[in-house]
Protein backbone atom coordinates (compact mmCIF):
# COMPACT_ATOMS: atom_id res chain seq x y z
CA MET A 1 -24.99 9.04 -2.29
CA SER A 2 -27.22 11.65 -3.81
CA SER A 3 -26.01 15.09 -4.85
CA GLY A 4 -27.24 16.59 -1.55
CA ASP A 5 -25.44 14.09 0.68
CA THR A 6 -22.32 15.04 2.55
CA LEU A 7 -19.47 13.11 4.16
CA ASP A 8 -18.89 15.96 6.60
CA GLY A 9 -18.74 14.99 10.26
CA GLU A 10 -17.46 12.44 12.73
CA TRP A 11 -16.63 8.86 11.73
CA VAL A 12 -15.07 5.92 13.61
CA MET A 13 -12.39 3.53 12.38
CA GLY A 14 -13.61 -0.04 12.13
CA GLY A 15 -16.79 0.84 13.99
CA ASP A 16 -14.79 1.42 17.21
CA PRO A 17 -15.98 4.57 19.05
CA ASN A 18 -12.54 4.82 20.69
CA ARG A 19 -10.94 5.38 17.26
CA PRO A 20 -12.57 8.61 16.01
CA CYS A 21 -11.97 10.01 12.54
CA ALA A 22 -13.47 12.99 10.74
CA VAL A 23 -14.23 14.46 7.34
CA LEU A 24 -14.59 18.17 6.64
CA GLN A 25 -16.21 18.69 3.25
CA ARG A 26 -16.53 21.75 1.04
CA GLY A 27 -18.06 20.68 -2.24
CA ARG A 28 -15.81 18.07 -3.84
CA VAL A 29 -12.83 18.98 -1.62
CA LEU A 30 -12.29 17.05 1.62
CA LEU A 31 -10.04 17.21 4.64
CA VAL A 32 -9.82 13.71 6.12
CA ILE A 33 -8.48 13.00 9.61
CA ASN A 34 -7.68 9.41 10.54
CA GLU A 35 -7.77 7.73 13.95
CA GLN A 36 -4.13 8.73 14.56
CA GLY A 37 -4.86 12.42 13.92
CA SER A 38 -3.08 12.51 10.56
CA THR A 39 -4.72 14.85 8.07
CA ALA A 40 -4.89 14.73 4.29
CA THR A 41 -6.60 16.57 1.50
CA ALA A 42 -8.82 14.47 -0.70
CA ARG A 43 -11.40 14.98 -3.42
CA LEU A 44 -14.49 13.28 -4.69
CA ILE A 45 -13.65 11.69 -8.03
CA GLY A 46 -17.04 10.10 -8.60
CA PRO A 47 -20.45 9.87 -7.00
CA THR A 48 -19.27 7.32 -4.41
CA THR A 49 -15.46 7.48 -4.59
CA LEU A 50 -12.91 9.74 -2.93
CA GLN A 51 -9.17 9.89 -3.45
CA VAL A 52 -6.42 11.19 -1.16
CA MET A 53 -4.31 13.86 -2.82
CA GLN A 54 -1.65 14.41 -0.14
CA GLY A 55 -1.05 14.30 3.58
CA ALA A 56 1.53 13.18 6.12
CA GLY A 57 0.92 9.56 7.05
CA TRP A 58 -1.38 8.98 4.06
CA GLN A 59 -0.68 7.15 0.81
CA PRO A 60 -1.26 9.56 -2.10
CA GLY A 61 -3.85 8.13 -4.46
CA MET A 62 -5.51 6.01 -1.74
CA ARG A 63 -9.20 5.62 -2.56
CA ALA A 64 -12.30 4.95 -0.52
CA GLU A 65 -15.72 3.87 -1.69
CA VAL A 66 -18.74 5.29 0.10
CA ARG A 67 -21.32 2.60 0.88
CA GLU A 68 -24.46 1.95 2.92
CA ASN A 69 -26.14 5.20 1.85
CA GLY A 70 -23.21 7.30 3.07
CA ARG A 71 -22.81 5.55 6.42
CA ALA A 72 -19.59 3.66 5.59
CA MET A 73 -16.33 4.29 3.73
CA VAL A 74 -14.29 1.28 2.68
CA TRP A 75 -10.68 2.19 2.02
CA GLN A 76 -8.52 0.57 -0.65
CA ASP A 77 -6.34 -1.06 2.04
CA GLY A 78 -9.37 -2.89 3.48
CA SER A 79 -9.93 -0.62 6.48
CA PHE A 80 -13.29 1.06 6.94
CA TRP A 81 -14.91 4.03 8.64
CA GLN A 82 -18.49 4.10 9.86
CA ARG A 83 -20.89 6.62 11.32
């Protein structure tokens, strides 16, 4: 990801269009919404890494690595989001 890239927008869990997710981004601060509708606040902690801070139904400290030029997020638990 370059400094101008954003994670903002619609994603899908596991590449399945019937399992939508989303990211709302304001600078380094993120609101992430998983396929079950659970929301969490997160932050960018590096150029390609985000970390969940808190949220119902989310594991605090969970990390995701942004890959494929910002088109995929691979979560620490092995799940992934794509767009």
